[in-house]
Amino acid sequence: MYCIEHSQRWWNRQCVLTTPEDLIDELCHKVALAPNEAELEAALDELQSALQEHREHLESVAADYLLSLPLAIRKRLSKLHETIAA
């Protein structure tokens, strides 16, 4: 989970816990609404970083899932992958 900070005033900040997808969506809006090039570049950097982090997380989850499968199923998947690649 991520925290997106919403604030109207410096003394009234709220931290809203959100999913990685929500964070990426929020950053896309930030990119689209950037008023100048400097803020656009900063928002794009944030978005790229969030996308990279989310991709790495998904790869890790997928790898953990595949490793949790019984060996016989992993072997079948490996053969299927080899057949498709050929």
N, C-alpha and C. Protein backbone atom coordinates (compact mmCIF):
# COMPACT_ATOMS: atom_id res chain seq x y z
N MET A 1 0.83 -1.18 0.00
CA MET A 1 0.00 0.00 0.00
C MET A 1 0.88 1.24 0.00
N TYR A 2 0.33 2.29 -0.54
CA TYR A 2 1.03 3.55 -0.63
C TYR A 2 0.22 4.63 0.06
N CYS A 3 0.88 5.71 0.37
CA CYS A 3 0.21 6.85 0.98
C CYS A 3 0.23 8.00 -0.01
N ILE A 4 -0.94 8.47 -0.39
CA ILE A 4 -1.03 9.67 -1.21
C ILE A 4 -1.48 10.78 -0.28
N GLU A 5 -0.68 11.82 -0.23
CA GLU A 5 -0.96 12.91 0.70
C GLU A 5 -1.88 13.93 0.03
N HIS A 6 -3.00 14.18 0.66
CA HIS A 6 -3.94 15.19 0.19
C HIS A 6 -3.96 16.30 1.24
N SER A 7 -3.82 17.51 0.79
CA SER A 7 -3.85 18.60 1.77
C SER A 7 -4.41 19.86 1.15
N GLN A 8 -5.25 20.53 1.89
CA GLN A 8 -5.71 21.85 1.52
C GLN A 8 -4.81 22.90 2.18
N ARG A 9 -4.38 22.63 3.35
CA ARG A 9 -3.54 23.53 4.12
C ARG A 9 -2.40 22.72 4.73
N TRP A 10 -1.30 23.37 5.05
CA TRP A 10 -0.14 22.66 5.61
C TRP A 10 -0.44 22.02 6.95
N TRP A 11 -1.40 22.52 7.70
CA TRP A 11 -1.70 21.98 9.01
C TRP A 11 -2.79 20.89 8.95
N ASN A 12 -3.37 20.69 7.79
CA ASN A 12 -4.47 19.74 7.67
C ASN A 12 -4.16 18.69 6.60
N ARG A 13 -3.07 17.97 6.78
CA ARG A 13 -2.68 16.97 5.79
C ARG A 13 -3.29 15.63 6.15
N GLN A 14 -3.74 14.93 5.12
CA GLN A 14 -4.29 13.60 5.31
C GLN A 14 -3.52 12.62 4.46
N CYS A 15 -3.27 11.47 5.01
CA CYS A 15 -2.60 10.41 4.27
C CYS A 15 -3.65 9.35 3.94
N VAL A 16 -3.87 9.12 2.65
CA VAL A 16 -4.86 8.14 2.22
C VAL A 16 -4.11 6.93 1.70
N LEU A 17 -4.31 5.77 2.36
CA LEU A 17 -3.67 4.54 1.89
C LEU A 17 -4.37 4.09 0.63
N THR A 18 -3.56 3.70 -0.35
CA THR A 18 -4.10 3.35 -1.64
C THR A 18 -3.31 2.20 -2.27
N THR A 19 -3.84 1.66 -3.33
CA THR A 19 -3.16 0.56 -4.03
C THR A 19 -2.13 1.14 -5.00
N PRO A 20 -1.20 0.30 -5.46
CA PRO A 20 -0.24 0.77 -6.47
C PRO A 20 -0.95 1.28 -7.73
N GLU A 21 -2.03 0.62 -8.11
CA GLU A 21 -2.77 1.05 -9.30
C GLU A 21 -3.36 2.45 -9.10
N ASP A 22 -3.86 2.72 -7.89
CA ASP A 22 -4.39 4.05 -7.59
C ASP A 22 -3.29 5.10 -7.63
N LEU A 23 -2.12 4.74 -7.10
CA LEU A 23 -0.99 5.67 -7.12
C LEU A 23 -0.60 5.99 -8.56
N ILE A 24 -0.52 4.97 -9.40
CA ILE A 24 -0.16 5.18 -10.81
C ILE A 24 -1.21 6.04 -11.50
N ASP A 25 -2.47 5.79 -11.21
CA ASP A 25 -3.55 6.61 -11.78
C ASP A 25 -3.42 8.06 -11.34
N GLU A 26 -3.14 8.27 -10.06
CA GLU A 26 -2.96 9.62 -9.52
C GLU A 26 -1.78 10.33 -10.20
N LEU A 27 -0.70 9.59 -10.40
CA LEU A 27 0.48 10.17 -11.04
C LEU A 27 0.22 10.48 -12.52
N CYS A 28 -0.60 9.65 -13.19
CA CYS A 28 -0.98 9.96 -14.58
C CYS A 28 -1.74 11.27 -14.65
N HIS A 29 -2.63 11.48 -13.71
CA HIS A 29 -3.37 12.75 -13.65
C HIS A 29 -2.41 13.91 -13.40
N LYS A 30 -1.46 13.68 -12.52
CA LYS A 30 -0.47 14.71 -12.20
C LYS A 30 0.34 15.09 -13.45
N VAL A 31 0.70 14.08 -14.25
CA VAL A 31 1.44 14.32 -15.49
C VAL A 31 0.56 15.13 -16.45
N ALA A 32 -0.70 14.70 -16.62
CA ALA A 32 -1.59 15.36 -17.57
C ALA A 32 -1.88 16.81 -17.19
N LEU A 33 -1.87 17.10 -15.90
CA LEU A 33 -2.22 18.45 -15.44
C LEU A 33 -1.01 19.31 -15.10
N ALA A 34 0.18 18.83 -15.38
CA ALA A 34 1.39 19.59 -15.04
C ALA A 34 1.36 20.94 -15.75
N PRO A 35 1.50 22.03 -15.00
CA PRO A 35 1.38 23.37 -15.59
C PRO A 35 2.63 23.84 -16.34
N ASN A 36 3.76 23.21 -16.09
CA ASN A 36 4.98 23.64 -16.78
C ASN A 36 5.91 22.45 -16.98
N GLU A 37 6.97 22.67 -17.74
CA GLU A 37 7.87 21.57 -18.10
C GLU A 37 8.59 20.98 -16.88
N ALA A 38 8.97 21.83 -15.94
CA ALA A 38 9.68 21.33 -14.75
C ALA A 38 8.79 20.37 -13.95
N GLU A 39 7.53 20.76 -13.74
CA GLU A 39 6.62 19.89 -12.99
C GLU A 39 6.27 18.65 -13.80
N LEU A 40 6.21 18.78 -15.13
CA LEU A 40 5.95 17.62 -15.99
C LEU A 40 7.08 16.61 -15.85
N GLU A 41 8.32 17.08 -15.92
CA GLU A 41 9.47 16.17 -15.79
C GLU A 41 9.48 15.49 -14.42
N ALA A 42 9.19 16.24 -13.38
CA ALA A 42 9.16 15.66 -12.03
C ALA A 42 8.06 14.61 -11.92
N ALA A 43 6.89 14.91 -12.46
CA ALA A 43 5.77 13.98 -12.41
C ALA A 43 6.07 12.73 -13.23
N LEU A 44 6.70 12.90 -14.39
CA LEU A 44 7.07 11.75 -15.21
C LEU A 44 8.09 10.86 -14.50
N ASP A 45 9.03 11.47 -13.80
CA ASP A 45 10.01 10.70 -13.02
C ASP A 45 9.31 9.89 -11.93
N GLU A 46 8.37 10.51 -11.23
CA GLU A 46 7.62 9.80 -10.19
C GLU A 46 6.83 8.65 -10.78
N LEU A 47 6.18 8.91 -11.92
CA LEU A 47 5.38 7.88 -12.57
C LEU A 47 6.25 6.72 -13.03
N GLN A 48 7.38 7.02 -13.63
CA GLN A 48 8.28 5.97 -14.09
C GLN A 48 8.76 5.12 -12.91
N SER A 49 9.09 5.76 -11.82
CA SER A 49 9.53 5.05 -10.63
C SER A 49 8.43 4.15 -10.08
N ALA A 50 7.21 4.67 -10.01
CA ALA A 50 6.08 3.88 -9.50
C ALA A 50 5.79 2.69 -10.41
N LEU A 51 5.88 2.89 -11.73
CA LEU A 51 5.65 1.80 -12.67
C LEU A 51 6.72 0.72 -12.52
N GLN A 52 7.96 1.15 -12.38
CA GLN A 52 9.07 0.20 -12.22
C GLN A 52 8.89 -0.62 -10.93
N GLU A 53 8.56 0.06 -9.85
CA GLU A 53 8.37 -0.62 -8.57
C GLU A 53 7.21 -1.62 -8.65
N HIS A 54 6.13 -1.21 -9.31
CA HIS A 54 4.97 -2.09 -9.43
C HIS A 54 5.30 -3.30 -10.31
N ARG A 55 6.03 -3.09 -11.40
CA ARG A 55 6.45 -4.19 -12.27
C ARG A 55 7.30 -5.20 -11.49
N GLU A 56 8.24 -4.70 -10.72
CA GLU A 56 9.10 -5.58 -9.92
C GLU A 56 8.28 -6.37 -8.90
N HIS A 57 7.30 -5.72 -8.30
CA HIS A 57 6.42 -6.41 -7.35
C HIS A 57 5.63 -7.52 -8.04
N LEU A 58 5.08 -7.21 -9.22
CA LEU A 58 4.30 -8.21 -9.95
C LEU A 58 5.17 -9.39 -10.38
N GLU A 59 6.40 -9.11 -10.80
CA GLU A 59 7.33 -10.18 -11.16
C GLU A 59 7.61 -11.08 -9.95
N SER A 60 7.79 -10.48 -8.81
CA SER A 60 8.05 -11.23 -7.59
C SER A 60 6.86 -12.10 -7.21
N VAL A 61 5.67 -11.54 -7.29
CA VAL A 61 4.45 -12.29 -6.97
C VAL A 61 4.29 -13.46 -7.93
N ALA A 62 4.53 -13.21 -9.23
CA ALA A 62 4.41 -14.28 -10.23
C ALA A 62 5.43 -15.38 -9.98
N ALA A 63 6.65 -15.00 -9.66
CA ALA A 63 7.69 -15.99 -9.39
C ALA A 63 7.35 -16.82 -8.15
N ASP A 64 6.89 -16.16 -7.10
CA ASP A 64 6.49 -16.89 -5.89
C ASP A 64 5.36 -17.87 -6.19
N TYR A 65 4.41 -17.43 -7.02
CA TYR A 65 3.29 -18.30 -7.36
C TYR A 65 3.78 -19.52 -8.13
N LEU A 66 4.63 -19.28 -9.13
CA LEU A 66 5.14 -20.41 -9.92
C LEU A 66 5.93 -21.38 -9.07
N LEU A 67 6.70 -20.87 -8.13
CA LEU A 67 7.48 -21.74 -7.26
C LEU A 67 6.62 -22.51 -6.28
N SER A 68 5.42 -22.03 -6.04
CA SER A 68 4.52 -22.72 -5.11
C SER A 68 3.78 -23.87 -5.78
N LEU A 69 3.83 -23.93 -7.12
CA LEU A 69 3.15 -25.01 -7.84
C LEU A 69 3.91 -26.32 -7.65
N PRO A 70 3.20 -27.43 -7.67
CA PRO A 70 3.89 -28.72 -7.58
C PRO A 70 4.86 -28.90 -8.75
N LEU A 71 5.90 -29.67 -8.53
CA LEU A 71 6.95 -29.87 -9.51
C LEU A 71 6.40 -30.39 -10.84
N ALA A 72 5.45 -31.31 -10.81
CA ALA A 72 4.89 -31.88 -12.05
C ALA A 72 4.25 -30.79 -12.92
N ILE A 73 3.55 -29.88 -12.30
CA ILE A 73 2.90 -28.80 -13.04
C ILE A 73 3.96 -27.84 -13.59
N ARG A 74 4.98 -27.54 -12.79
CA ARG A 74 6.06 -26.66 -13.26
C ARG A 74 6.75 -27.27 -14.48
N LYS A 75 6.96 -28.61 -14.47
CA LYS A 75 7.59 -29.28 -15.61
C LYS A 75 6.71 -29.17 -16.85
N ARG A 76 5.40 -29.36 -16.68
CA ARG A 76 4.48 -29.23 -17.82
C ARG A 76 4.51 -27.81 -18.38
N LEU A 77 4.51 -26.83 -17.49
CA LEU A 77 4.57 -25.43 -17.95
C LEU A 77 5.87 -25.15 -18.68
N SER A 78 6.95 -25.72 -18.21
CA SER A 78 8.25 -25.54 -18.85
C SER A 78 8.24 -26.14 -20.25
N LYS A 79 7.67 -27.35 -20.39
CA LYS A 79 7.56 -27.98 -21.71
C LYS A 79 6.68 -27.16 -22.64
N LEU A 80 5.58 -26.66 -22.12
CA LEU A 80 4.68 -25.82 -22.91
C LEU A 80 5.40 -24.57 -23.39
N HIS A 81 6.16 -23.96 -22.50
CA HIS A 81 6.93 -22.77 -22.86
C HIS A 81 7.95 -23.07 -23.96
N GLU A 82 8.64 -24.21 -23.84
CA GLU A 82 9.61 -24.62 -24.85
C GLU A 82 8.93 -24.86 -26.20
N THR A 83 7.75 -25.47 -26.17
CA THR A 83 7.00 -25.73 -27.41
C THR A 83 6.59 -24.43 -28.08
N ILE A 84 6.13 -23.49 -27.31
CA ILE A 84 5.70 -22.19 -27.85
C ILE A 84 6.89 -21.43 -28.40
N ALA A 85 8.02 -21.49 -27.71
CA ALA A 85 9.22 -20.75 -28.13
C ALA A 85 9.82 -21.33 -29.42
N ALA A 86 9.58 -22.60 -29.68
CA ALA A 86 10.19 -23.25 -30.86
C ALA A 86 9.49 -22.92 -32.15
